[in-house]
Amino acid sequence: MRIVLQSPSRSLISFSADELIGISNSLNEVCHGVHIEDFEFETRLGVPRKFLQEILSKIQAGGETQTLQPDIRAEVWADEGSVQAICIAVHGDPVDMSVEEAICFRNKLEHVINEANC
């Protein structure tokens, strides 16, 4: 596990495949294996069962990423009139793109900028 970036309200953490399997299996046991009454679940774990079940589902589905290469994420999207962009390697390193990948990223960015200006 590597903490890539941390702020008071969010953390960007890189996990190996084995670490993520362990986390997924642990969440599965807490949510579906070990019996904890619903009224006691949030008190003991700090979050509702449904919240952890949603995290487990996202992990099992592979998250919400689209990758250029298996260890790179470069994506852009509009969010309520603002432009959001991420370009990071799984270990927190800068992304090294080919010219074709950079052009594709630029085109996506231009499209989202136009979308956000509407």
PDB file of N, CA and C in Angstrom:
ATOM      1  N   MET A   1       0.841  -1.169   0.000  1.00  0.00           N
ATOM      2  CA  MET A   1       0.000   0.000   0.000  1.00  0.00           C
ATOM      3  C   MET A   1       0.892   1.239   0.000  1.00  0.00           C
ATOM      4  N   ARG A   2       0.456   2.220  -0.772  1.00  0.00           N
ATOM      5  CA  ARG A   2       1.182   3.486  -0.813  1.00  0.00           C
ATOM      6  C   ARG A   2       0.182   4.633  -0.776  1.00  0.00           C
ATOM      7  N   ILE A   3       0.365   5.550   0.149  1.00  0.00           N
ATOM      8  CA  ILE A   3      -0.466   6.756   0.181  1.00  0.00           C
ATOM      9  C   ILE A   3       0.138   7.723  -0.821  1.00  0.00           C
ATOM     10  N   VAL A   4      -0.601   7.986  -1.891  1.00  0.00           N
ATOM     11  CA  VAL A   4      -0.120   8.814  -2.990  1.00  0.00           C
ATOM     12  C   VAL A   4      -0.326  10.290  -2.682  1.00  0.00           C
ATOM     13  N   LEU A   5      -1.504  10.618  -2.164  1.00  0.00           N
ATOM     14  CA  LEU A   5      -1.862  12.007  -1.899  1.00  0.00           C
ATOM     15  C   LEU A   5      -2.877  12.007  -0.777  1.00  0.00           C
ATOM     16  N   GLN A   6      -2.733  12.959   0.156  1.00  0.00           N
ATOM     17  CA  GLN A   6      -3.654  12.988   1.277  1.00  0.00           C
ATOM     18  C   GLN A   6      -4.010  14.419   1.630  1.00  0.00           C
ATOM     19  N   SER A   7      -5.302  14.638   1.867  1.00  0.00           N
ATOM     20  CA  SER A   7      -5.794  15.920   2.346  1.00  0.00           C
ATOM     21  C   SER A   7      -6.625  15.627   3.591  1.00  0.00           C
ATOM     22  N   PRO A   8      -7.101  16.656   4.276  1.00  0.00           N
ATOM     23  CA  PRO A   8      -7.905  16.386   5.477  1.00  0.00           C
ATOM     24  C   PRO A   8      -9.169  15.572   5.213  1.00  0.00           C
ATOM     25  N   SER A   9      -9.721  15.654   3.986  1.00  0.00           N
ATOM     26  CA  SER A   9     -10.992  14.974   3.725  1.00  0.00           C
ATOM     27  C   SER A   9     -10.910  13.785   2.763  1.00  0.00           C
ATOM     28  N   ARG A  10      -9.773  13.607   2.069  1.00  0.00           N
ATOM     29  CA  ARG A  10      -9.672  12.510   1.093  1.00  0.00           C
ATOM     30  C   ARG A  10      -8.252  11.967   1.073  1.00  0.00           C
ATOM     31  N   SER A  11      -8.145  10.714   0.626  1.00  0.00           N
ATOM     32  CA  SER A  11      -6.838  10.087   0.447  1.00  0.00           C
ATOM     33  C   SER A  11      -6.835   9.338  -0.870  1.00  0.00           C
ATOM     34  N   LEU A  12      -5.727   9.405  -1.582  1.00  0.00           N
ATOM     35  CA  LEU A  12      -5.522   8.634  -2.794  1.00  0.00           C
ATOM     36  C   LEU A  12      -4.491   7.574  -2.447  1.00  0.00           C
ATOM     37  N   ILE A  13      -4.929   6.309  -2.456  1.00  0.00           N
ATOM     38  CA  ILE A  13      -4.088   5.213  -2.000  1.00  0.00           C
ATOM     39  C   ILE A  13      -3.935   4.194  -3.113  1.00  0.00           C
ATOM     40  N   SER A  14      -2.711   3.717  -3.309  1.00  0.00           N
ATOM     41  CA  SER A  14      -2.414   2.694  -4.296  1.00  0.00           C
ATOM     42  C   SER A  14      -2.247   1.353  -3.586  1.00  0.00           C
ATOM     43  N   PHE A  15      -3.044   0.352  -3.992  1.00  0.00           N
ATOM     44  CA  PHE A  15      -2.960  -0.988  -3.424  1.00  0.00           C
ATOM     45  C   PHE A  15      -2.454  -1.969  -4.462  1.00  0.00           C
ATOM     46  N   SER A  16      -1.691  -2.970  -4.032  1.00  0.00           N
ATOM     47  CA  SER A  16      -1.327  -4.069  -4.925  1.00  0.00           C
ATOM     48  C   SER A  16      -2.574  -4.933  -5.118  1.00  0.00           C
ATOM     49  N   ALA A  17      -2.543  -5.808  -6.100  1.00  0.00           N
ATOM     50  CA  ALA A  17      -3.684  -6.692  -6.348  1.00  0.00           C
ATOM     51  C   ALA A  17      -3.970  -7.556  -5.120  1.00  0.00           C
ATOM     52  N   ASP A  18      -2.937  -8.086  -4.467  1.00  0.00           N
ATOM     53  CA  ASP A  18      -3.129  -8.923  -3.276  1.00  0.00           C
ATOM     54  C   ASP A  18      -3.722  -8.118  -2.118  1.00  0.00           C
ATOM     55  N   GLU A  19      -3.273  -6.885  -1.939  1.00  0.00           N
ATOM     56  CA  GLU A  19      -3.825  -6.044  -0.881  1.00  0.00           C
ATOM     57  C   GLU A  19      -5.307  -5.774  -1.122  1.00  0.00           C
ATOM     58  N   LEU A  20      -5.661  -5.508  -2.367  1.00  0.00           N
ATOM     59  CA  LEU A  20      -7.058  -5.231  -2.698  1.00  0.00           C
ATOM     60  C   LEU A  20      -7.932  -6.475  -2.509  1.00  0.00           C
ATOM     61  N   ILE A  21      -7.402  -7.646  -2.810  1.00  0.00           N
ATOM     62  CA  ILE A  21      -8.139  -8.892  -2.570  1.00  0.00           C
ATOM     63  C   ILE A  21      -8.404  -9.057  -1.076  1.00  0.00           C
ATOM     64  N   GLY A  22      -7.384  -8.788  -0.244  1.00  0.00           N
ATOM     65  CA  GLY A  22      -7.562  -8.885   1.201  1.00  0.00           C
ATOM     66  C   GLY A  22      -8.607  -7.920   1.723  1.00  0.00           C
ATOM     67  N   ILE A  23      -8.592  -6.696   1.212  1.00  0.00           N
ATOM     68  CA  ILE A  23      -9.583  -5.697   1.626  1.00  0.00           C
ATOM     69  C   ILE A  23     -10.979  -6.127   1.181  1.00  0.00           C
ATOM     70  N   SER A  24     -11.091  -6.586  -0.048  1.00  0.00           N
ATOM     71  CA  SER A  24     -12.371  -7.031  -0.580  1.00  0.00           C
ATOM     72  C   SER A  24     -12.926  -8.201   0.234  1.00  0.00           C
ATOM     73  N   ASN A  25     -12.077  -9.172   0.516  1.00  0.00           N
ATOM     74  CA  ASN A  25     -12.520 -10.327   1.299  1.00  0.00           C
ATOM     75  C   ASN A  25     -12.931  -9.922   2.712  1.00  0.00           C
ATOM     76  N   SER A  26     -12.192  -8.990   3.303  1.00  0.00           N
ATOM     77  CA  SER A  26     -12.529  -8.503   4.648  1.00  0.00           C
ATOM     78  C   SER A  26     -13.878  -7.786   4.650  1.00  0.00           C
ATOM     79  N   LEU A  27     -14.095  -6.926   3.666  1.00  0.00           N
ATOM     80  CA  LEU A  27     -15.382  -6.228   3.566  1.00  0.00           C
ATOM     81  C   LEU A  27     -16.522  -7.222   3.372  1.00  0.00           C
ATOM     82  N   ASN A  28     -16.281  -8.232   2.548  1.00  0.00           N
ATOM     83  CA  ASN A  28     -17.302  -9.243   2.312  1.00  0.00           C
ATOM     84  C   ASN A  28     -17.672  -9.955   3.616  1.00  0.00           C
ATOM     85  N   GLU A  29     -16.677 -10.319   4.412  1.00  0.00           N
ATOM     86  CA  GLU A  29     -16.942 -10.985   5.692  1.00  0.00           C
ATOM     87  C   GLU A  29     -17.708 -10.078   6.650  1.00  0.00           C
ATOM     88  N   VAL A  30     -17.304  -8.815   6.724  1.00  0.00           N
ATOM     89  CA  VAL A  30     -17.979  -7.876   7.632  1.00  0.00           C
ATOM     90  C   VAL A  30     -19.421  -7.635   7.183  1.00  0.00           C
ATOM     91  N   CYS A  31     -19.623  -7.505   5.878  1.00  0.00           N
ATOM     92  CA  CYS A  31     -20.960  -7.186   5.366  1.00  0.00           C
ATOM     93  C   CYS A  31     -21.885  -8.401   5.302  1.00  0.00           C
ATOM     94  N   HIS A  32     -21.312  -9.589   5.026  1.00  0.00           N
ATOM     95  CA  HIS A  32     -22.173 -10.740   4.752  1.00  0.00           C
ATOM     96  C   HIS A  32     -21.869 -11.975   5.596  1.00  0.00           C
ATOM     97  N   GLY A  33     -20.709 -12.046   6.215  1.00  0.00           N
ATOM     98  CA  GLY A  33     -20.324 -13.257   6.944  1.00  0.00           C
ATOM     99  C   GLY A  33     -20.559 -13.150   8.433  1.00  0.00           C
ATOM    100  N   VAL A  34     -19.804 -12.304   9.077  1.00  0.00           N
ATOM    101  CA  VAL A  34     -19.922 -12.115  10.518  1.00  0.00           C
ATOM    102  C   VAL A  34     -21.264 -11.451  10.804  1.00  0.00           C
ATOM    103  N   HIS A  35     -21.993 -12.011  11.750  1.00  0.00           N
ATOM    104  CA  HIS A  35     -23.308 -11.434  12.036  1.00  0.00           C
ATOM    105  C   HIS A  35     -23.181 -10.291  13.035  1.00  0.00           C
ATOM    106  N   ILE A  36     -23.512  -9.107  12.587  1.00  0.00           N
ATOM    107  CA  ILE A  36     -23.582  -7.926  13.441  1.00  0.00           C
ATOM    108  C   ILE A  36     -24.966  -7.327  13.207  1.00  0.00           C
ATOM    109  N   GLU A  37     -25.715  -7.193  14.263  1.00  0.00           N
ATOM    110  CA  GLU A  37     -27.066  -6.632  14.149  1.00  0.00           C
ATOM    111  C   GLU A  37     -27.000  -5.257  13.493  1.00  0.00           C
ATOM    112  N   ASP A  38     -28.014  -4.942  12.680  1.00  0.00           N
ATOM    113  CA  ASP A  38     -28.048  -3.655  11.977  1.00  0.00           C
ATOM    114  C   ASP A  38     -27.944  -2.467  12.929  1.00  0.00           C
ATOM    115  N   PHE A  39     -28.641  -2.529  14.077  1.00  0.00           N
ATOM    116  CA  PHE A  39     -28.610  -1.405  15.007  1.00  0.00           C
ATOM    117  C   PHE A  39     -27.219  -1.197  15.606  1.00  0.00           C
ATOM    118  N   GLU A  40     -26.404  -2.252  15.609  1.00  0.00           N
ATOM    119  CA  GLU A  40     -25.077  -2.180  16.206  1.00  0.00           C
ATOM    120  C   GLU A  40     -23.969  -1.954  15.170  1.00  0.00           C
ATOM    121  N   PHE A  41     -24.265  -2.224  13.909  1.00  0.00           N
ATOM    122  CA  PHE A  41     -23.254  -2.187  12.847  1.00  0.00           C
ATOM    123  C   PHE A  41     -22.563  -0.828  12.770  1.00  0.00           C
ATOM    124  N   GLU A  42     -23.335   0.236  12.623  1.00  0.00           N
ATOM    125  CA  GLU A  42     -22.742   1.572  12.473  1.00  0.00           C
ATOM    126  C   GLU A  42     -22.004   2.000  13.741  1.00  0.00           C
ATOM    127  N   THR A  43     -22.509   1.635  14.882  1.00  0.00           N
ATOM    128  CA  THR A  43     -21.831   1.973  16.130  1.00  0.00           C
ATOM    129  C   THR A  43     -20.456   1.317  16.195  1.00  0.00           C
ATOM    130  N   ARG A  44     -20.376   0.062  15.811  1.00  0.00           N
ATOM    131  CA  ARG A  44     -19.118  -0.680  15.904  1.00  0.00           C
ATOM    132  C   ARG A  44     -18.146  -0.342  14.785  1.00  0.00           C
ATOM    133  N   LEU A  45     -18.656  -0.081  13.569  1.00  0.00           N
ATOM    134  CA  LEU A  45     -17.773   0.120  12.416  1.00  0.00           C
ATOM    135  C   LEU A  45     -17.677   1.572  11.962  1.00  0.00           C
ATOM    136  N   GLY A  46     -18.523   2.433  12.459  1.00  0.00           N
ATOM    137  CA  GLY A  46     -18.428   3.848  12.143  1.00  0.00           C
ATOM    138  C   GLY A  46     -19.144   4.291  10.883  1.00  0.00           C
ATOM    139  N   VAL A  47     -19.651   3.342  10.118  1.00  0.00           N
ATOM    140  CA  VAL A  47     -20.396   3.640   8.891  1.00  0.00           C
ATOM    141  C   VAL A  47     -21.521   2.619   8.741  1.00  0.00           C
ATOM    142  N   PRO A  48     -22.584   2.973   8.009  1.00  0.00           N
ATOM    143  CA  PRO A  48     -23.673   2.014   7.802  1.00  0.00           C
ATOM    144  C   PRO A  48     -23.234   0.820   6.940  1.00  0.00           C
ATOM    145  N   ARG A  49     -23.900  -0.308   7.133  1.00  0.00           N
ATOM    146  CA  ARG A  49     -23.619  -1.524   6.351  1.00  0.00           C
ATOM    147  C   ARG A  49     -23.741  -1.242   4.854  1.00  0.00           C
ATOM    148  N   LYS A  50     -24.779  -0.502   4.458  1.00  0.00           N
ATOM    149  CA  LYS A  50     -25.000  -0.209   3.032  1.00  0.00           C
ATOM    150  C   LYS A  50     -23.805   0.524   2.429  1.00  0.00           C
ATOM    151  N   PHE A  51     -23.196   1.425   3.185  1.00  0.00           N
ATOM    152  CA  PHE A  51     -22.021   2.165   2.723  1.00  0.00           C
ATOM    153  C   PHE A  51     -20.876   1.200   2.392  1.00  0.00           C
ATOM    154  N   LEU A  52     -20.596   0.264   3.306  1.00  0.00           N
ATOM    155  CA  LEU A  52     -19.523  -0.711   3.060  1.00  0.00           C
ATOM    156  C   LEU A  52     -19.889  -1.669   1.928  1.00  0.00           C
ATOM    157  N   GLN A  53     -21.157  -2.020   1.813  1.00  0.00           N
ATOM    158  CA  GLN A  53     -21.587  -2.890   0.712  1.00  0.00           C
ATOM    159  C   GLN A  53     -21.378  -2.201  -0.637  1.00  0.00           C
ATOM    160  N   GLU A  54     -21.615  -0.892  -0.694  1.00  0.00           N
ATOM    161  CA  GLU A  54     -21.386  -0.143  -1.936  1.00  0.00           C
ATOM    162  C   GLU A  54     -19.897  -0.090  -2.283  1.00  0.00           C
ATOM    163  N   ILE A  55     -19.039   0.092  -1.278  1.00  0.00           N
ATOM    164  CA  ILE A  55     -17.590   0.077  -1.520  1.00  0.00           C
ATOM    165  C   ILE A  55     -17.170  -1.294  -2.030  1.00  0.00           C
ATOM    166  N   LEU A  56     -17.668  -2.349  -1.394  1.00  0.00           N
ATOM    167  CA  LEU A  56     -17.362  -3.714  -1.823  1.00  0.00           C
ATOM    168  C   LEU A  56     -17.784  -3.935  -3.270  1.00  0.00           C
ATOM    169  N   SER A  57     -18.967  -3.471  -3.628  1.00  0.00           N
ATOM    170  CA  SER A  57     -19.444  -3.627  -5.018  1.00  0.00           C
ATOM    171  C   SER A  57     -18.537  -2.909  -6.002  1.00  0.00           C
ATOM    172  N   LYS A  58     -18.081  -1.711  -5.644  1.00  0.00           N
ATOM    173  CA  LYS A  58     -17.191  -0.966  -6.529  1.00  0.00           C
ATOM    174  C   LYS A  58     -15.849  -1.676  -6.690  1.00  0.00           C
ATOM    175  N   ILE A  59     -15.324  -2.211  -5.590  1.00  0.00           N
ATOM    176  CA  ILE A  59     -14.054  -2.942  -5.677  1.00  0.00           C
ATOM    177  C   ILE A  59     -14.224  -4.168  -6.567  1.00  0.00           C
ATOM    178  N   GLN A  60     -15.301  -4.924  -6.358  1.00  0.00           N
ATOM    179  CA  GLN A  60     -15.534  -6.134  -7.142  1.00  0.00           C
ATOM    180  C   GLN A  60     -15.770  -5.830  -8.614  1.00  0.00           C
ATOM    181  N   ALA A  61     -16.339  -4.658  -8.908  1.00  0.00           N
ATOM    182  CA  ALA A  61     -16.595  -4.270 -10.299  1.00  0.00           C
ATOM    183  C   ALA A  61     -15.367  -3.669 -10.960  1.00  0.00           C
ATOM    184  N   GLY A  62     -14.308  -3.464 -10.190  1.00  0.00           N
ATOM    185  CA  GLY A  62     -13.086  -2.900 -10.756  1.00  0.00           C
ATOM    186  C   GLY A  62     -13.045  -1.388 -10.694  1.00  0.00           C
ATOM    187  N   GLY A  63     -13.908  -0.783  -9.884  1.00  0.00           N
ATOM    188  CA  GLY A  63     -13.881   0.670  -9.752  1.00  0.00           C
ATOM    189  C   GLY A  63     -14.551   1.361 -10.908  1.00  0.00           C
ATOM    190  N   GLU A  64     -14.251   2.642 -11.071  1.00  0.00           N
ATOM    191  CA  GLU A  64     -14.883   3.464 -12.099  1.00  0.00           C
ATOM    192  C   GLU A  64     -13.829   4.033 -13.039  1.00  0.00           C
ATOM    193  N   THR A  65     -12.809   3.257 -13.331  1.00  0.00           N
ATOM    194  CA  THR A  65     -11.716   3.795 -14.126  1.00  0.00           C
ATOM    195  C   THR A  65     -11.707   3.229 -15.535  1.00  0.00           C
ATOM    196  N   GLN A  66     -11.165   4.005 -16.427  1.00  0.00           N
ATOM    197  CA  GLN A  66     -10.830   3.557 -17.768  1.00  0.00           C
ATOM    198  C   GLN A  66      -9.345   3.830 -17.923  1.00  0.00           C
ATOM    199  N   THR A  67      -8.598   2.845 -18.360  1.00  0.00           N
ATOM    200  CA  THR A  67      -7.156   3.014 -18.388  1.00  0.00           C
ATOM    201  C   THR A  67      -6.607   3.037 -19.802  1.00  0.00           C
ATOM    202  N   LEU A  68      -5.504   3.780 -19.967  1.00  0.00           N
ATOM    203  CA  LEU A  68      -4.751   3.740 -21.214  1.00  0.00           C
ATOM    204  C   LEU A  68      -3.915   2.475 -21.231  1.00  0.00           C
ATOM    205  N   GLN A  69      -3.253   2.235 -20.137  1.00  0.00           N
ATOM    206  CA  GLN A  69      -2.464   1.047 -19.914  1.00  0.00           C
ATOM    207  C   GLN A  69      -2.944   0.484 -18.585  1.00  0.00           C
ATOM    208  N   PRO A  70      -2.631  -0.758 -18.245  1.00  0.00           N
ATOM    209  CA  PRO A  70      -3.163  -1.332 -17.010  1.00  0.00           C
ATOM    210  C   PRO A  70      -2.814  -0.552 -15.749  1.00  0.00           C
ATOM    211  N   ASP A  71      -1.744   0.236 -15.761  1.00  0.00           N
ATOM    212  CA  ASP A  71      -1.336   0.933 -14.543  1.00  0.00           C
ATOM    213  C   ASP A  71      -1.440   2.454 -14.647  1.00  0.00           C
ATOM    214  N   ILE A  72      -2.256   2.939 -15.595  1.00  0.00           N
ATOM    215  CA  ILE A  72      -2.394   4.388 -15.808  1.00  0.00           C
ATOM    216  C   ILE A  72      -3.866   4.757 -15.904  1.00  0.00           C
ATOM    217  N   ARG A  73      -4.210   5.895 -15.308  1.00  0.00           N
ATOM    218  CA  ARG A  73      -5.553   6.448 -15.489  1.00  0.00           C
ATOM    219  C   ARG A  73      -5.409   7.874 -15.972  1.00  0.00           C
ATOM    220  N   ALA A  74      -6.034   8.164 -17.077  1.00  0.00           N
ATOM    221  CA  ALA A  74      -6.079   9.520 -17.614  1.00  0.00           C
ATOM    222  C   ALA A  74      -7.506   9.747 -18.088  1.00  0.00           C
ATOM    223  N   GLU A  75      -8.228  10.606 -17.393  1.00  0.00           N
ATOM    224  CA  GLU A  75      -9.629  10.812 -17.708  1.00  0.00           C
ATOM    225  C   GLU A  75     -10.018  12.251 -17.426  1.00  0.00           C
ATOM    226  N   VAL A  76     -11.018  12.730 -18.135  1.00  0.00           N
ATOM    227  CA  VAL A  76     -11.581  14.059 -17.931  1.00  0.00           C
ATOM    228  C   VAL A  76     -13.101  13.954 -17.953  1.00  0.00           C
ATOM    229  N   TRP A  77     -13.768  14.840 -17.203  1.00  0.00           N
ATOM    230  CA  TRP A  77     -15.222  14.853 -17.192  1.00  0.00           C
ATOM    231  C   TRP A  77     -15.702  16.206 -16.685  1.00  0.00           C
ATOM    232  N   ALA A  78     -16.955  16.508 -17.014  1.00  0.00           N
ATOM    233  CA  ALA A  78     -17.573  17.748 -16.544  1.00  0.00           C
ATOM    234  C   ALA A  78     -18.362  17.437 -15.281  1.00  0.00           C
ATOM    235  N   ASP A  79     -18.343  18.373 -14.340  1.00  0.00           N
ATOM    236  CA  ASP A  79     -19.075  18.202 -13.093  1.00  0.00           C
ATOM    237  C   ASP A  79     -19.693  19.544 -12.712  1.00  0.00           C
ATOM    238  N   GLU A  80     -20.983  19.695 -13.012  1.00  0.00           N
ATOM    239  CA  GLU A  80     -21.728  20.918 -12.698  1.00  0.00           C
ATOM    240  C   GLU A  80     -21.028  22.179 -13.196  1.00  0.00           C
ATOM    241  N   GLY A  81     -20.611  22.163 -14.440  1.00  0.00           N
ATOM    242  CA  GLY A  81     -20.010  23.348 -15.045  1.00  0.00           C
ATOM    243  C   GLY A  81     -18.520  23.479 -14.839  1.00  0.00           C
ATOM    244  N   SER A  82     -17.911  22.591 -14.079  1.00  0.00           N
ATOM    245  CA  SER A  82     -16.453  22.634 -13.918  1.00  0.00           C
ATOM    246  C   SER A  82     -15.837  21.458 -14.669  1.00  0.00           C
ATOM    247  N   VAL A  83     -14.563  21.551 -14.934  1.00  0.00           N
ATOM    248  CA  VAL A  83     -13.836  20.491 -15.634  1.00  0.00           C
ATOM    249  C   VAL A  83     -12.986  19.746 -14.623  1.00  0.00           C
ATOM    250  N   GLN A  84     -13.143  18.431 -14.593  1.00  0.00           N
ATOM    251  CA  GLN A  84     -12.367  17.562 -13.713  1.00  0.00           C
ATOM    252  C   GLN A  84     -11.395  16.762 -14.578  1.00  0.00           C
ATOM    253  N   ALA A  85     -10.163  16.635 -14.121  1.00  0.00           N
ATOM    254  CA  ALA A  85      -9.173  15.875 -14.880  1.00  0.00           C
ATOM    255  C   ALA A  85      -8.267  15.120 -13.922  1.00  0.00           C
ATOM    256  N   ILE A  86      -7.900  13.918 -14.327  1.00  0.00           N
ATOM    257  CA  ILE A  86      -6.940  13.124 -13.563  1.00  0.00           C
ATOM    258  C   ILE A  86      -6.002  12.458 -14.556  1.00  0.00           C
ATOM    259  N   CYS A  87      -4.757  12.446 -14.190  1.00  0.00           N
ATOM    260  CA  CYS A  87      -3.751  11.820 -15.049  1.00  0.00           C
ATOM    261  C   CYS A  87      -2.657  11.308 -14.116  1.00  0.00           C
ATOM    262  N   ILE A  88      -2.722  10.028 -13.751  1.00  0.00           N
ATOM    263  CA  ILE A  88      -1.819   9.492 -12.733  1.00  0.00           C
ATOM    264  C   ILE A  88      -1.544   8.013 -12.994  1.00  0.00           C
ATOM    265  N   ALA A  89      -0.358   7.581 -12.650  1.00  0.00           N
ATOM    266  CA  ALA A  89       0.000   6.173 -12.714  1.00  0.00           C
ATOM    267  C   ALA A  89      -0.343   5.526 -11.375  1.00  0.00           C
ATOM    268  N   VAL A  90      -0.499   4.235 -11.369  1.00  0.00           N
ATOM    269  CA  VAL A  90      -0.947   3.510 -10.189  1.00  0.00           C
ATOM    270  C   VAL A  90      -0.038   3.741  -8.973  1.00  0.00           C
ATOM    271  N   HIS A  91       1.221   4.023  -9.177  1.00  0.00           N
ATOM    272  CA  HIS A  91       2.132   4.262  -8.069  1.00  0.00           C
ATOM    273  C   HIS A  91       2.250   5.740  -7.719  1.00  0.00           C
ATOM    274  N   GLY A  92       1.436   6.585  -8.346  1.00  0.00           N
ATOM    275  CA  GLY A  92       1.457   8.004  -8.046  1.00  0.00           C
ATOM    276  C   GLY A  92       2.420   8.789  -8.911  1.00  0.00           C
ATOM    277  N   ASP A  93       3.056   8.130  -9.854  1.00  0.00           N
ATOM    278  CA  ASP A  93       4.013   8.790 -10.728  1.00  0.00           C
ATOM    279  C   ASP A  93       3.291   9.562 -11.828  1.00  0.00           C
ATOM    280  N   PRO A  94       3.959  10.549 -12.437  1.00  0.00           N
ATOM    281  CA  PRO A  94       3.370  11.217 -13.602  1.00  0.00           C
ATOM    282  C   PRO A  94       3.150  10.207 -14.729  1.00  0.00           C
ATOM    283  N   VAL A  95       2.186  10.491 -15.566  1.00  0.00           N
ATOM    284  CA  VAL A  95       1.864   9.598 -16.676  1.00  0.00           C
ATOM    285  C   VAL A  95       2.737   9.915 -17.874  1.00  0.00           C
ATOM    286  N   ASP A  96       3.334   8.902 -18.433  1.00  0.00           N
ATOM    287  CA  ASP A  96       4.137   9.017 -19.645  1.00  0.00           C
ATOM    288  C   ASP A  96       3.287   8.506 -20.800  1.00  0.00           C
ATOM    289  N   MET A  97       2.835   9.427 -21.677  1.00  0.00           N
ATOM    290  CA  MET A  97       1.942   9.059 -22.781  1.00  0.00           C
ATOM    291  C   MET A  97       2.672   9.101 -24.108  1.00  0.00           C
ATOM    292  N   SER A  98       2.208   8.254 -25.004  1.00  0.00           N
ATOM    293  CA  SER A  98       2.666   8.357 -26.385  1.00  0.00           C
ATOM    294  C   SER A  98       2.003   9.584 -27.000  1.00  0.00           C
ATOM    295  N   VAL A  99       2.447   9.984 -28.160  1.00  0.00           N
ATOM    296  CA  VAL A  99       1.837  11.130 -28.836  1.00  0.00           C
ATOM    297  C   VAL A  99       0.357  10.855 -29.105  1.00  0.00           C
ATOM    298  N   GLU A 100       0.035   9.653 -29.531  1.00  0.00           N
ATOM    299  CA  GLU A 100      -1.354   9.301 -29.827  1.00  0.00           C
ATOM    300  C   GLU A 100      -2.215   9.372 -28.561  1.00  0.00           C
ATOM    301  N   GLU A 101      -1.700   8.868 -27.437  1.00  0.00           N
ATOM    302  CA  GLU A 101      -2.441   8.919 -26.182  1.00  0.00           C
ATOM    303  C   GLU A 101      -2.625  10.366 -25.714  1.00  0.00           C
ATOM    304  N   ALA A 102      -1.605  11.187 -25.873  1.00  0.00           N
ATOM    305  CA  ALA A 102      -1.696  12.593 -25.481  1.00  0.00           C
ATOM    306  C   ALA A 102      -2.723  13.338 -26.332  1.00  0.00           C
ATOM    307  N   ILE A 103      -2.755  13.063 -27.623  1.00  0.00           N
ATOM    308  CA  ILE A 103      -3.745  13.688 -28.509  1.00  0.00           C
ATOM    309  C   ILE A 103      -5.153  13.261 -28.110  1.00  0.00           C
ATOM    310  N   CYS A 104      -5.338  12.000 -27.816  1.00  0.00           N
ATOM    311  CA  CYS A 104      -6.643  11.493 -27.373  1.00  0.00           C
ATOM    312  C   CYS A 104      -7.068  12.186 -26.077  1.00  0.00           C
ATOM    313  N   PHE A 105      -6.138  12.324 -25.143  1.00  0.00           N
ATOM    314  CA  PHE A 105      -6.437  12.999 -23.874  1.00  0.00           C
ATOM    315  C   PHE A 105      -6.796  14.461 -24.124  1.00  0.00           C
ATOM    316  N   ARG A 106      -6.041  15.131 -24.990  1.00  0.00           N
ATOM    317  CA  ARG A 106      -6.333  16.530 -25.318  1.00  0.00           C
ATOM    318  C   ARG A 106      -7.726  16.655 -25.934  1.00  0.00           C
ATOM    319  N   ASN A 107      -8.080  15.740 -26.839  1.00  0.00           N
ATOM    320  CA  ASN A 107      -9.390  15.788 -27.477  1.00  0.00           C
ATOM    321  C   ASN A 107     -10.514  15.616 -26.457  1.00  0.00           C
ATOM    322  N   LYS A 108     -10.329  14.685 -25.514  1.00  0.00           N
ATOM    323  CA  LYS A 108     -11.321  14.505 -24.457  1.00  0.00           C
ATOM    324  C   LYS A 108     -11.434  15.767 -23.613  1.00  0.00           C
ATOM    325  N   LEU A 109     -10.298  16.369 -23.300  1.00  0.00           N
ATOM    326  CA  LEU A 109     -10.286  17.588 -22.492  1.00  0.00           C
ATOM    327  C   LEU A 109     -11.018  18.717 -23.215  1.00  0.00           C
ATOM    328  N   GLU A 110     -10.750  18.901 -24.489  1.00  0.00           N
ATOM    329  CA  GLU A 110     -11.437  19.940 -25.256  1.00  0.00           C
ATOM    330  C   GLU A 110     -12.945  19.697 -25.284  1.00  0.00           C
ATOM    331  N   HIS A 111     -13.356  18.447 -25.458  1.00  0.00           N
ATOM    332  CA  HIS A 111     -14.777  18.104 -25.487  1.00  0.00           C
ATOM    333  C   HIS A 111     -15.440  18.455 -24.152  1.00  0.00           C
ATOM    334  N   VAL A 112     -14.795  18.105 -23.046  1.00  0.00           N
ATOM    335  CA  VAL A 112     -15.359  18.379 -21.732  1.00  0.00           C
ATOM    336  C   VAL A 112     -15.384  19.875 -21.445  1.00  0.00           C
ATOM    337  N   ILE A 113     -14.369  20.609 -21.879  1.00  0.00           N
ATOM    338  CA  ILE A 113     -14.382  22.065 -21.709  1.00  0.00           C
ATOM    339  C   ILE A 113     -15.580  22.660 -22.427  1.00  0.00           C
ATOM    340  N   ASN A 114     -15.827  22.234 -23.647  1.00  0.00           N
ATOM    341  CA  ASN A 114     -16.987  22.716 -24.402  1.00  0.00           C
ATOM    342  C   ASN A 114     -18.286  22.334 -23.710  1.00  0.00           C
ATOM    343  N   GLU A 115     -18.343  21.121 -23.169  1.00  0.00           N
ATOM    344  CA  GLU A 115     -19.523  20.642 -22.466  1.00  0.00           C
ATOM    345  C   GLU A 115     -19.783  21.469 -21.197  1.00  0.00           C
ATOM    346  N   ALA A 116     -18.726  21.805 -20.480  1.00  0.00           N
ATOM    347  CA  ALA A 116     -18.850  22.572 -19.236  1.00  0.00           C
ATOM    348  C   ALA A 116     -19.280  24.013 -19.491  1.00  0.00           C
ATOM    349  N   ASN A 117     -18.958  24.551 -20.667  1.00  0.00           N
ATOM    350  CA  ASN A 117     -19.316  25.923 -21.004  1.00  0.00           C
ATOM    351  C   ASN A 117     -20.757  26.086 -21.425  1.00  0.00           C
ATOM    352  N   CYS A 118     -21.463  24.979 -21.659  1.00  0.00           N
ATOM    353  CA  CYS A 118     -22.859  25.063 -22.105  1.00  0.00           C
ATOM    354  C   CYS A 118     -23.793  25.562 -21.056  1.00  0.00           C
TER     355      CYS A 118
END
